[in-house]
């Protein structure tokens, strides 16, 4: 289980985009990096692969290490630390993400 998932709203806590927030667009397979919409924009030199494509300098979103982002709480709107808790459901025990400070459950049960 990962503390940050695709679709979560996060805030950058280190780096050139420090203090900015956005939605997680995708994650690396190993879970160590995230791509956040509109943040960590880098310029990439691209060569035309086909005849109808244009070559040039393109701006893309580069991955950020997961330690450089913090999850934003949906209720308070502030960056929070995330932990895990086991909750009993009708189908059996389920592991859910919770906010350390308040104990608020982040995942639907």
PDB file of N, CA and C in Angstrom:
ATOM      1  N   UNK A   1       0.829  -1.191   0.000  1.00  0.00           N
ATOM      2  CA  UNK A   1       0.000   0.000   0.000  1.00  0.00           C
ATOM      3  C   UNK A   1       0.871   1.252   0.000  1.00  0.00           C
ATOM      4  N   UNK A   2       0.437   2.240  -0.724  1.00  0.00           N
ATOM      5  CA  UNK A   2       1.198   3.484  -0.808  1.00  0.00           C
ATOM      6  C   UNK A   2       0.463   4.606  -0.107  1.00  0.00           C
ATOM      7  N   UNK A   3       1.241   5.522   0.449  1.00  0.00           N
ATOM      8  CA  UNK A   3       0.653   6.652   1.167  1.00  0.00           C
ATOM      9  C   UNK A   3       0.075   7.683   0.211  1.00  0.00           C
ATOM     10  N   UNK A   4       0.647   7.779  -0.995  1.00  0.00           N
ATOM     11  CA  UNK A   4       0.150   8.716  -2.008  1.00  0.00           C
ATOM     12  C   UNK A   4      -0.231   7.907  -3.235  1.00  0.00           C
ATOM     13  N   UNK A   5      -1.395   8.199  -3.787  1.00  0.00           N
ATOM     14  CA  UNK A   5      -1.911   7.446  -4.932  1.00  0.00           C
ATOM     15  C   UNK A   5      -2.306   8.380  -6.065  1.00  0.00           C
ATOM     16  N   UNK A   6      -2.552   7.790  -7.223  1.00  0.00           N
ATOM     17  CA  UNK A   6      -3.009   8.536  -8.389  1.00  0.00           C
ATOM     18  C   UNK A   6      -4.350   9.202  -8.057  1.00  0.00           C
ATOM     19  N   UNK A   7      -4.476  10.494  -8.415  1.00  0.00           N
ATOM     20  CA  UNK A   7      -5.709  11.227  -8.164  1.00  0.00           C
ATOM     21  C   UNK A   7      -5.695  12.027  -6.871  1.00  0.00           C
ATOM     22  N   UNK A   8      -4.708  11.805  -5.997  1.00  0.00           N
ATOM     23  CA  UNK A   8      -4.605  12.568  -4.751  1.00  0.00           C
ATOM     24  C   UNK A   8      -4.120  13.978  -5.033  1.00  0.00           C
ATOM     25  N   UNK A   9      -4.535  14.918  -4.191  1.00  0.00           N
ATOM     26  CA  UNK A   9      -4.025  16.282  -4.275  1.00  0.00           C
ATOM     27  C   UNK A   9      -2.837  16.381  -3.336  1.00  0.00           C
ATOM     28  N   UNK A  10      -1.702  16.845  -3.876  1.00  0.00           N
ATOM     29  CA  UNK A  10      -0.474  16.930  -3.093  1.00  0.00           C
ATOM     30  C   UNK A  10       0.127  18.327  -3.190  1.00  0.00           C
ATOM     31  N   UNK A  11       0.986  18.640  -2.226  1.00  0.00           N
ATOM     32  CA  UNK A  11       1.729  19.895  -2.230  1.00  0.00           C
ATOM     33  C   UNK A  11       3.211  19.565  -2.263  1.00  0.00           C
ATOM     34  N   UNK A  12       3.966  20.301  -3.080  1.00  0.00           N
ATOM     35  CA  UNK A  12       5.406  20.100  -3.165  1.00  0.00           C
ATOM     36  C   UNK A  12       6.036  20.763  -1.947  1.00  0.00           C
ATOM     37  N   UNK A  13       6.890  20.016  -1.221  1.00  0.00           N
ATOM     38  CA  UNK A  13       7.509  20.546  -0.009  1.00  0.00           C
ATOM     39  C   UNK A  13       9.002  20.781  -0.170  1.00  0.00           C
ATOM     40  N   UNK A  14       9.564  20.440  -1.330  1.00  0.00           N
ATOM     41  CA  UNK A  14      10.979  20.689  -1.594  1.00  0.00           C
ATOM     42  C   UNK A  14      11.201  20.798  -3.094  1.00  0.00           C
ATOM     43  N   UNK A  15      12.138  21.657  -3.491  1.00  0.00           N
ATOM     44  CA  UNK A  15      12.457  21.797  -4.904  1.00  0.00           C
ATOM     45  C   UNK A  15      12.023  23.131  -5.466  1.00  0.00           C
ATOM     46  N   UNK A  16      12.126  23.256  -6.786  1.00  0.00           N
ATOM     47  CA  UNK A  16      11.853  24.546  -7.427  1.00  0.00           C
ATOM     48  C   UNK A  16      10.382  24.937  -7.382  1.00  0.00           C
ATOM     49  N   UNK A  17       9.481  23.968  -7.249  1.00  0.00           N
ATOM     50  CA  UNK A  17       8.044  24.253  -7.182  1.00  0.00           C
ATOM     51  C   UNK A  17       7.521  24.187  -5.749  1.00  0.00           C
ATOM     52  N   UNK A  18       8.381  24.459  -4.779  1.00  0.00           N
ATOM     53  CA  UNK A  18       8.032  24.388  -3.364  1.00  0.00           C
ATOM     54  C   UNK A  18       6.798  25.245  -3.060  1.00  0.00           C
ATOM     55  N   UNK A  19       5.807  24.650  -2.369  1.00  0.00           N
ATOM     56  CA  UNK A  19       4.599  25.373  -1.985  1.00  0.00           C
ATOM     57  C   UNK A  19       3.452  25.243  -2.967  1.00  0.00           C
ATOM     58  N   UNK A  20       3.714  24.812  -4.197  1.00  0.00           N
ATOM     59  CA  UNK A  20       2.649  24.657  -5.193  1.00  0.00           C
ATOM     60  C   UNK A  20       1.957  23.313  -5.002  1.00  0.00           C
ATOM     61  N   UNK A  21       0.704  23.242  -5.424  1.00  0.00           N
ATOM     62  CA  UNK A  21      -0.035  21.994  -5.275  1.00  0.00           C
ATOM     63  C   UNK A  21      -0.674  21.586  -6.595  1.00  0.00           C
ATOM     64  N   UNK A  22      -0.995  20.312  -6.697  1.00  0.00           N
ATOM     65  CA  UNK A  22      -1.620  19.772  -7.895  1.00  0.00           C
ATOM     66  C   UNK A  22      -2.075  18.349  -7.663  1.00  0.00           C
ATOM     67  N   UNK A  23      -2.638  17.757  -8.697  1.00  0.00           N
ATOM     68  CA  UNK A  23      -3.159  16.393  -8.621  1.00  0.00           C
ATOM     69  C   UNK A  23      -2.141  15.414  -9.181  1.00  0.00           C
ATOM     70  N   UNK A  24      -2.007  14.264  -8.542  1.00  0.00           N
ATOM     71  CA  UNK A  24      -1.080  13.228  -9.012  1.00  0.00           C
ATOM     72  C   UNK A  24      -1.653  12.628 -10.289  1.00  0.00           C
ATOM     73  N   UNK A  25      -0.880  12.754 -11.362  1.00  0.00           N
ATOM     74  CA  UNK A  25      -1.292  12.277 -12.680  1.00  0.00           C
ATOM     75  C   UNK A  25      -0.942  10.799 -12.856  1.00  0.00           C
ATOM     76  N   UNK A  26       0.276  10.435 -12.433  1.00  0.00           N
ATOM     77  CA  UNK A  26       0.709   9.041 -12.528  1.00  0.00           C
ATOM     78  C   UNK A  26       1.832   8.787 -11.538  1.00  0.00           C
ATOM     79  N   UNK A  27       2.118   7.508 -11.332  1.00  0.00           N
ATOM     80  CA  UNK A  27       3.172   7.096 -10.411  1.00  0.00           C
ATOM     81  C   UNK A  27       4.129   6.170 -11.129  1.00  0.00           C
ATOM     82  N   UNK A  28       5.366   6.152 -10.657  1.00  0.00           N
ATOM     83  CA  UNK A  28       6.346   5.209 -11.185  1.00  0.00           C
ATOM     84  C   UNK A  28       5.983   3.816 -10.680  1.00  0.00           C
ATOM     85  N   UNK A  29       6.412   2.797 -11.385  1.00  0.00           N
ATOM     86  CA  UNK A  29       6.086   1.424 -11.009  1.00  0.00           C
ATOM     87  C   UNK A  29       6.619   1.060  -9.626  1.00  0.00           C
ATOM     88  N   UNK A  30       7.801   1.587  -9.282  1.00  0.00           N
ATOM     89  CA  UNK A  30       8.392   1.252  -7.985  1.00  0.00           C
ATOM     90  C   UNK A  30       7.785   2.074  -6.847  1.00  0.00           C
ATOM     91  N   UNK A  31       6.951   3.060  -7.166  1.00  0.00           N
ATOM     92  CA  UNK A  31       6.286   3.867  -6.154  1.00  0.00           C
ATOM     93  C   UNK A  31       7.163   4.955  -5.563  1.00  0.00           C
ATOM     94  N   UNK A  32       8.320   5.221  -6.159  1.00  0.00           N
ATOM     95  CA  UNK A  32       9.256   6.201  -5.618  1.00  0.00           C
ATOM     96  C   UNK A  32       9.101   7.586  -6.230  1.00  0.00           C
ATOM     97  N   UNK A  33       8.356   7.710  -7.315  1.00  0.00           N
ATOM     98  CA  UNK A  33       8.222   9.003  -7.990  1.00  0.00           C
ATOM     99  C   UNK A  33       6.781   9.213  -8.446  1.00  0.00           C
ATOM    100  N   UNK A  34       6.381  10.485  -8.480  1.00  0.00           N
ATOM    101  CA  UNK A  34       5.037  10.843  -8.938  1.00  0.00           C
ATOM    102  C   UNK A  34       5.142  11.957  -9.970  1.00  0.00           C
ATOM    103  N   UNK A  35       4.190  11.998 -10.886  1.00  0.00           N
ATOM    104  CA  UNK A  35       4.089  13.101 -11.833  1.00  0.00           C
ATOM    105  C   UNK A  35       2.854  13.900 -11.427  1.00  0.00           C
ATOM    106  N   UNK A  36       3.068  15.187 -11.112  1.00  0.00           N
ATOM    107  CA  UNK A  36       1.990  16.055 -10.658  1.00  0.00           C
ATOM    108  C   UNK A  36       1.610  16.988 -11.801  1.00  0.00           C
ATOM    109  N   UNK A  37       0.309  17.128 -12.045  1.00  0.00           N
ATOM    110  CA  UNK A  37      -0.197  17.958 -13.142  1.00  0.00           C
ATOM    111  C   UNK A  37       0.269  19.398 -13.025  1.00  0.00           C
ATOM    112  N   UNK A  38       0.937  19.888 -14.061  1.00  0.00           N
ATOM    113  CA  UNK A  38       1.340  21.286 -14.132  1.00  0.00           C
ATOM    114  C   UNK A  38       2.550  21.671 -13.311  1.00  0.00           C
ATOM    115  N   UNK A  39       3.220  20.727 -12.660  1.00  0.00           N
ATOM    116  CA  UNK A  39       4.384  21.038 -11.831  1.00  0.00           C
ATOM    117  C   UNK A  39       5.629  20.322 -12.333  1.00  0.00           C
ATOM    118  N   UNK A  40       6.797  20.864 -11.952  1.00  0.00           N
ATOM    119  CA  UNK A  40       8.108  20.332 -12.332  1.00  0.00           C
ATOM    120  C   UNK A  40       8.230  20.225 -13.855  1.00  0.00           C
ATOM    121  N   UNK A  41       7.911  21.324 -14.536  1.00  0.00           N
ATOM    122  CA  UNK A  41       7.968  21.379 -15.997  1.00  0.00           C
ATOM    123  C   UNK A  41       9.423  21.509 -16.440  1.00  0.00           C
ATOM    124  N   UNK A  42       9.827  20.637 -17.368  1.00  0.00           N
ATOM    125  CA  UNK A  42      11.186  20.684 -17.919  1.00  0.00           C
ATOM    126  C   UNK A  42      11.079  20.741 -19.441  1.00  0.00           C
ATOM    127  N   UNK A  43      12.136  21.243 -20.064  1.00  0.00           N
ATOM    128  CA  UNK A  43      12.168  21.321 -21.527  1.00  0.00           C
ATOM    129  C   UNK A  43      12.914  20.111 -22.060  1.00  0.00           C
ATOM    130  N   UNK A  44      12.329  19.473 -23.072  1.00  0.00           N
ATOM    131  CA  UNK A  44      12.927  18.283 -23.660  1.00  0.00           C
ATOM    132  C   UNK A  44      13.078  18.491 -25.161  1.00  0.00           C
ATOM    133  N   UNK A  45      14.252  18.193 -25.674  1.00  0.00           N
ATOM    134  CA  UNK A  45      14.508  18.305 -27.108  1.00  0.00           C
ATOM    135  C   UNK A  45      13.997  17.037 -27.774  1.00  0.00           C
ATOM    136  N   UNK A  46      13.069  17.189 -28.701  1.00  0.00           N
ATOM    137  CA  UNK A  46      12.452  16.038 -29.352  1.00  0.00           C
ATOM    138  C   UNK A  46      12.751  16.042 -30.844  1.00  0.00           C
ATOM    139  N   UNK A  47      13.084  14.873 -31.338  1.00  0.00           N
ATOM    140  CA  UNK A  47      13.360  14.678 -32.756  1.00  0.00           C
ATOM    141  C   UNK A  47      12.081  14.154 -33.412  1.00  0.00           C
ATOM    142  N   UNK A  48      11.826  14.534 -34.652  1.00  0.00           N
ATOM    143  CA  UNK A  48      10.642  14.061 -35.360  1.00  0.00           C
ATOM    144  C   UNK A  48      10.799  12.579 -35.652  1.00  0.00           C
ATOM    145  N   UNK A  49       9.845  11.791 -35.218  1.00  0.00           N
ATOM    146  CA  UNK A  49       9.910  10.335 -35.417  1.00  0.00           C
ATOM    147  C   UNK A  49       9.267   9.946 -36.753  1.00  0.00           C
ATOM    148  N   UNK A  50       8.249  10.696 -37.173  1.00  0.00           N
ATOM    149  CA  UNK A  50       7.570  10.432 -38.434  1.00  0.00           C
ATOM    150  C   UNK A  50       7.600  11.698 -39.279  1.00  0.00           C
ATOM    151  N   UNK A  51       7.186  11.578 -40.521  1.00  0.00           N
ATOM    152  CA  UNK A  51       7.236  12.723 -41.428  1.00  0.00           C
ATOM    153  C   UNK A  51       6.272  13.839 -41.015  1.00  0.00           C
ATOM    154  N   UNK A  52       5.101  13.488 -40.500  1.00  0.00           N
ATOM    155  CA  UNK A  52       4.123  14.515 -40.167  1.00  0.00           C
ATOM    156  C   UNK A  52       4.338  15.110 -38.768  1.00  0.00           C
ATOM    157  N   UNK A  53       5.289  14.602 -37.996  1.00  0.00           N
ATOM    158  CA  UNK A  53       5.600  15.137 -36.672  1.00  0.00           C
ATOM    159  C   UNK A  53       6.595  16.271 -36.778  1.00  0.00           C
ATOM    160  N   UNK A  54       6.525  17.200 -35.827  1.00  0.00           N
ATOM    161  CA  UNK A  54       7.482  18.296 -35.819  1.00  0.00           C
ATOM    162  C   UNK A  54       8.506  18.093 -34.713  1.00  0.00           C
ATOM    163  N   UNK A  55       9.717  18.477 -35.016  1.00  0.00           N
ATOM    164  CA  UNK A  55      10.787  18.410 -34.021  1.00  0.00           C
ATOM    165  C   UNK A  55      10.828  19.741 -33.286  1.00  0.00           C
ATOM    166  N   UNK A  56      11.465  19.758 -32.127  1.00  0.00           N
ATOM    167  CA  UNK A  56      11.589  21.009 -31.399  1.00  0.00           C
ATOM    168  C   UNK A  56      11.731  20.781 -29.911  1.00  0.00           C
ATOM    169  N   UNK A  57      11.601  21.863 -29.177  1.00  0.00           N
ATOM    170  CA  UNK A  57      11.721  21.799 -27.725  1.00  0.00           C
ATOM    171  C   UNK A  57      10.317  21.726 -27.140  1.00  0.00           C
ATOM    172  N   UNK A  58      10.053  20.654 -26.389  1.00  0.00           N
ATOM    173  CA  UNK A  58       8.731  20.452 -25.796  1.00  0.00           C
ATOM    174  C   UNK A  58       8.833  20.551 -24.289  1.00  0.00           C
ATOM    175  N   UNK A  59       7.774  21.051 -23.671  1.00  0.00           N
ATOM    176  CA  UNK A  59       7.741  21.133 -22.214  1.00  0.00           C
ATOM    177  C   UNK A  59       6.919  19.962 -21.678  1.00  0.00           C
ATOM    178  N   UNK A  60       7.523  19.178 -20.777  1.00  0.00           N
ATOM    179  CA  UNK A  60       6.844  18.026 -20.200  1.00  0.00           C
ATOM    180  C   UNK A  60       6.921  18.090 -18.681  1.00  0.00           C
ATOM    181  N   UNK A  61       6.056  17.340 -18.019  1.00  0.00           N
ATOM    182  CA  UNK A  61       6.074  17.241 -16.563  1.00  0.00           C
ATOM    183  C   UNK A  61       7.031  16.125 -16.178  1.00  0.00           C
ATOM    184  N   UNK A  62       8.043  16.450 -15.400  1.00  0.00           N
ATOM    185  CA  UNK A  62       9.029  15.466 -14.967  1.00  0.00           C
ATOM    186  C   UNK A  62       8.606  14.875 -13.626  1.00  0.00           C
ATOM    187  N   UNK A  63       9.068  13.655 -13.320  1.00  0.00           N
ATOM    188  CA  UNK A  63       8.713  13.036 -12.044  1.00  0.00           C
ATOM    189  C   UNK A  63       9.348  13.748 -10.851  1.00  0.00           C
ATOM    190  N   UNK A  64       8.638  13.748  -9.741  1.00  0.00           N
ATOM    191  CA  UNK A  64       9.134  14.251  -8.459  1.00  0.00           C
ATOM    192  C   UNK A  64       9.277  13.058  -7.528  1.00  0.00           C
ATOM    193  N   UNK A  65      10.322  13.048  -6.697  1.00  0.00           N
ATOM    194  CA  UNK A  65      10.457  11.969  -5.727  1.00  0.00           C
ATOM    195  C   UNK A  65       9.321  12.081  -4.716  1.00  0.00           C
ATOM    196  N   UNK A  66       8.821  10.950  -4.280  1.00  0.00           N
ATOM    197  CA  UNK A  66       7.657  10.918  -3.394  1.00  0.00           C
ATOM    198  C   UNK A  66       7.921  11.598  -2.052  1.00  0.00           C
ATOM    199  N   UNK A  67       9.189  11.672  -1.648  1.00  0.00           N
ATOM    200  CA  UNK A  67       9.523  12.322  -0.378  1.00  0.00           C
ATOM    201  C   UNK A  67       9.423  13.841  -0.476  1.00  0.00           C
ATOM    202  N   UNK A  68       9.328  14.387  -1.681  1.00  0.00           N
ATOM    203  CA  UNK A  68       9.253  15.830  -1.878  1.00  0.00           C
ATOM    204  C   UNK A  68       7.823  16.339  -2.020  1.00  0.00           C
ATOM    205  N   UNK A  69       6.846  15.465  -1.817  1.00  0.00           N
ATOM    206  CA  UNK A  69       5.449  15.882  -1.861  1.00  0.00           C
ATOM    207  C   UNK A  69       4.729  15.425  -0.600  1.00  0.00           C
ATOM    208  N   UNK A  70       3.709  16.182  -0.188  1.00  0.00           N
ATOM    209  CA  UNK A  70       2.899  15.831   0.974  1.00  0.00           C
ATOM    210  C   UNK A  70       1.434  15.839   0.561  1.00  0.00           C
ATOM    211  N   UNK A  71       0.691  14.869   1.045  1.00  0.00           N
ATOM    212  CA  UNK A  71      -0.729  14.763   0.756  1.00  0.00           C
ATOM    213  C   UNK A  71      -1.484  15.906   1.421  1.00  0.00           C
ATOM    214  N   UNK A  72      -2.456  16.484   0.708  1.00  0.00           N
ATOM    215  CA  UNK A  72      -3.279  17.559   1.266  1.00  0.00           C
ATOM    216  C   UNK A  72      -4.576  16.945   1.785  1.00  0.00           C
ATOM    217  N   UNK A  73      -4.904  17.256   3.041  1.00  0.00           N
ATOM    218  CA  UNK A  73      -6.125  16.746   3.662  1.00  0.00           C
ATOM    219  C   UNK A  73      -7.342  17.348   2.975  1.00  0.00           C
ATOM    220  N   UNK A  74      -8.338  16.534   2.628  1.00  0.00           N
ATOM    221  CA  UNK A  74      -9.527  17.067   1.961  1.00  0.00           C
ATOM    222  C   UNK A  74     -10.354  17.999   2.849  1.00  0.00           C
ATOM    223  N   UNK A  75     -10.288  17.847   4.159  1.00  0.00           N
ATOM    224  CA  UNK A  75     -11.101  18.687   5.044  1.00  0.00           C
ATOM    225  C   UNK A  75     -10.406  19.983   5.427  1.00  0.00           C
ATOM    226  N   UNK A  76      -9.119  19.914   5.778  1.00  0.00           N
ATOM    227  CA  UNK A  76      -8.414  21.116   6.228  1.00  0.00           C
ATOM    228  C   UNK A  76      -7.730  21.864   5.102  1.00  0.00           C
ATOM    229  N   UNK A  77      -7.347  21.158   4.024  1.00  0.00           N
ATOM    230  CA  UNK A  77      -6.652  21.794   2.909  1.00  0.00           C
ATOM    231  C   UNK A  77      -5.182  22.042   3.196  1.00  0.00           C
ATOM    232  N   UNK A  78      -4.646  21.406   4.241  1.00  0.00           N
ATOM    233  CA  UNK A  78      -3.240  21.569   4.594  1.00  0.00           C
ATOM    234  C   UNK A  78      -2.483  20.258   4.372  1.00  0.00           C
ATOM    235  N   UNK A  79      -1.159  20.336   4.148  1.00  0.00           N
ATOM    236  CA  UNK A  79      -0.385  19.107   3.985  1.00  0.00           C
ATOM    237  C   UNK A  79      -0.356  18.318   5.300  1.00  0.00           C
ATOM    238  N   UNK A  80      -0.510  16.996   5.188  1.00  0.00           N
ATOM    239  CA  UNK A  80      -0.564  16.134   6.367  1.00  0.00           C
ATOM    240  C   UNK A  80       0.323  14.904   6.181  1.00  0.00           C
ATOM    241  N   UNK A  81       0.657  14.276   7.315  1.00  0.00           N
ATOM    242  CA  UNK A  81       1.353  12.995   7.278  1.00  0.00           C
ATOM    243  C   UNK A  81       0.294  11.895   7.261  1.00  0.00           C
ATOM    244  N   UNK A  82       0.614  10.801   6.598  1.00  0.00           N
ATOM    245  CA  UNK A  82      -0.350   9.734   6.405  1.00  0.00           C
ATOM    246  C   UNK A  82       0.137   8.463   7.088  1.00  0.00           C
ATOM    247  N   UNK A  83      -0.798   7.757   7.736  1.00  0.00           N
ATOM    248  CA  UNK A  83      -0.513   6.466   8.338  1.00  0.00           C
ATOM    249  C   UNK A  83      -1.543   5.461   7.875  1.00  0.00           C
ATOM    250  N   UNK A  84      -1.476   4.259   8.419  1.00  0.00           N
ATOM    251  CA  UNK A  84      -2.422   3.209   8.048  1.00  0.00           C
ATOM    252  C   UNK A  84      -3.107   2.673   9.283  1.00  0.00           C
ATOM    253  N   UNK A  85      -4.347   2.207   9.097  1.00  0.00           N
ATOM    254  CA  UNK A  85      -5.126   1.621  10.169  1.00  0.00           C
ATOM    255  C   UNK A  85      -5.978   0.507   9.576  1.00  0.00           C
ATOM    256  N   UNK A  86      -6.239  -0.509  10.354  1.00  0.00           N
ATOM    257  CA  UNK A  86      -7.106  -1.585   9.902  1.00  0.00           C
ATOM    258  C   UNK A  86      -8.513  -1.321  10.412  1.00  0.00           C
ATOM    259  N   UNK A  87      -9.479  -1.348   9.481  1.00  0.00           N
ATOM    260  CA  UNK A  87     -10.877  -1.076   9.807  1.00  0.00           C
ATOM    261  C   UNK A  87     -11.696  -2.309   9.457  1.00  0.00           C
ATOM    262  N   UNK A  88     -12.621  -2.652  10.338  1.00  0.00           N
ATOM    263  CA  UNK A  88     -13.515  -3.791  10.076  1.00  0.00           C
ATOM    264  C   UNK A  88     -14.632  -3.352   9.135  1.00  0.00           C
ATOM    265  N   UNK A  89     -14.867  -4.139   8.081  1.00  0.00           N
ATOM    266  CA  UNK A  89     -15.963  -3.895   7.147  1.00  0.00           C
ATOM    267  C   UNK A  89     -16.829  -5.145   7.070  1.00  0.00           C
ATOM    268  N   UNK A  90     -17.895  -5.083   6.295  1.00  0.00           N
ATOM    269  CA  UNK A  90     -18.792  -6.229   6.156  1.00  0.00           C
ATOM    270  C   UNK A  90     -18.087  -7.412   5.496  1.00  0.00           C
ATOM    271  N   UNK A  91     -17.128  -7.123   4.620  1.00  0.00           N
ATOM    272  CA  UNK A  91     -16.409  -8.185   3.915  1.00  0.00           C
ATOM    273  C   UNK A  91     -15.166  -8.655   4.671  1.00  0.00           C
ATOM    274  N   UNK A  92     -14.837  -7.978   5.766  1.00  0.00           N
ATOM    275  CA  UNK A  92     -13.652  -8.361   6.543  1.00  0.00           C
ATOM    276  C   UNK A  92     -12.778  -7.153   6.803  1.00  0.00           C
ATOM    277  N   UNK A  93     -11.619  -7.356   7.419  1.00  0.00           N
ATOM    278  CA  UNK A  93     -10.743  -6.226   7.728  1.00  0.00           C
ATOM    279  C   UNK A  93     -10.160  -5.587   6.464  1.00  0.00           C
ATOM    280  N   UNK A  94     -10.040  -4.263   6.495  1.00  0.00           N
ATOM    281  CA  UNK A  94      -9.507  -3.521   5.352  1.00  0.00           C
ATOM    282  C   UNK A  94      -8.506  -2.490   5.863  1.00  0.00           C
ATOM    283  N   UNK A  95      -7.379  -2.369   5.183  1.00  0.00           N
ATOM    284  CA  UNK A  95      -6.342  -1.410   5.549  1.00  0.00           C
ATOM    285  C   UNK A  95      -6.639  -0.081   4.848  1.00  0.00           C
ATOM    286  N   UNK A  96      -6.746   1.014   5.615  1.00  0.00           N
ATOM    287  CA  UNK A  96      -7.075   2.321   5.047  1.00  0.00           C
ATOM    288  C   UNK A  96      -6.039   3.350   5.471  1.00  0.00           C
ATOM    289  N   UNK A  97      -5.939   4.434   4.688  1.00  0.00           N
ATOM    290  CA  UNK A  97      -5.039   5.538   5.022  1.00  0.00           C
ATOM    291  C   UNK A  97      -5.743   6.481   5.986  1.00  0.00           C
ATOM    292  N   UNK A  98      -4.998   6.975   6.969  1.00  0.00           N
ATOM    293  CA  UNK A  98      -5.551   7.921   7.935  1.00  0.00           C
ATOM    294  C   UNK A  98      -4.563   9.067   8.143  1.00  0.00           C
ATOM    295  N   UNK A  99      -5.097  10.236   8.537  1.00  0.00           N
ATOM    296  CA  UNK A  99      -4.271  11.395   8.866  1.00  0.00           C
ATOM    297  C   UNK A  99      -3.713  11.179  10.269  1.00  0.00           C
ATOM    298  N   UNK A 100      -2.388  11.337  10.422  1.00  0.00           N
ATOM    299  CA  UNK A 100      -1.739  11.122  11.720  1.00  0.00           C
ATOM    300  C   UNK A 100      -2.336  11.985  12.812  1.00  0.00           C
ATOM    301  N   UNK A 101      -2.491  13.273  12.542  1.00  0.00           N
ATOM    302  CA  UNK A 101      -2.870  14.241  13.572  1.00  0.00           C
ATOM    303  C   UNK A 101      -4.321  14.064  14.039  1.00  0.00           C
ATOM    304  N   UNK A 102      -5.247  13.910  13.088  1.00  0.00           N
ATOM    305  CA  UNK A 102      -6.667  13.901  13.432  1.00  0.00           C
ATOM    306  C   UNK A 102      -7.293  12.509  13.450  1.00  0.00           C
ATOM    307  N   UNK A 103      -6.674  11.545  12.788  1.00  0.00           N
ATOM    308  CA  UNK A 103      -7.253  10.208  12.705  1.00  0.00           C
ATOM    309  C   UNK A 103      -8.323  10.098  11.629  1.00  0.00           C
ATOM    310  N   UNK A 104      -8.465  11.129  10.798  1.00  0.00           N
ATOM    311  CA  UNK A 104      -9.455  11.154   9.720  1.00  0.00           C
ATOM    312  C   UNK A 104      -9.108  10.086   8.670  1.00  0.00           C
ATOM    313  N   UNK A 105     -10.108   9.301   8.280  1.00  0.00           N
ATOM    314  CA  UNK A 105      -9.913   8.245   7.278  1.00  0.00           C
ATOM    315  C   UNK A 105      -9.957   8.882   5.889  1.00  0.00           C
ATOM    316  N   UNK A 106      -8.930   8.617   5.069  1.00  0.00           N
ATOM    317  CA  UNK A 106      -8.833   9.215   3.738  1.00  0.00           C
ATOM    318  C   UNK A 106      -9.464   8.363   2.649  1.00  0.00           C
ATOM    319  N   UNK A 107      -9.520   7.050   2.855  1.00  0.00           N
ATOM    320  CA  UNK A 107     -10.070   6.145   1.841  1.00  0.00           C
ATOM    321  C   UNK A 107     -11.520   5.814   2.143  1.00  0.00           C
ATOM    322  N   UNK A 108     -12.349   5.623   1.101  1.00  0.00           N
ATOM    323  CA  UNK A 108     -13.728   5.176   1.354  1.00  0.00           C
ATOM    324  C   UNK A 108     -13.708   3.747   1.878  1.00  0.00           C
ATOM    325  N   UNK A 109     -14.521   3.494   2.884  1.00  0.00           N
ATOM    326  CA  UNK A 109     -14.528   2.159   3.510  1.00  0.00           C
ATOM    327  C   UNK A 109     -15.491   1.235   2.833  1.00  0.00           C
TER     328      UNK A 109
END
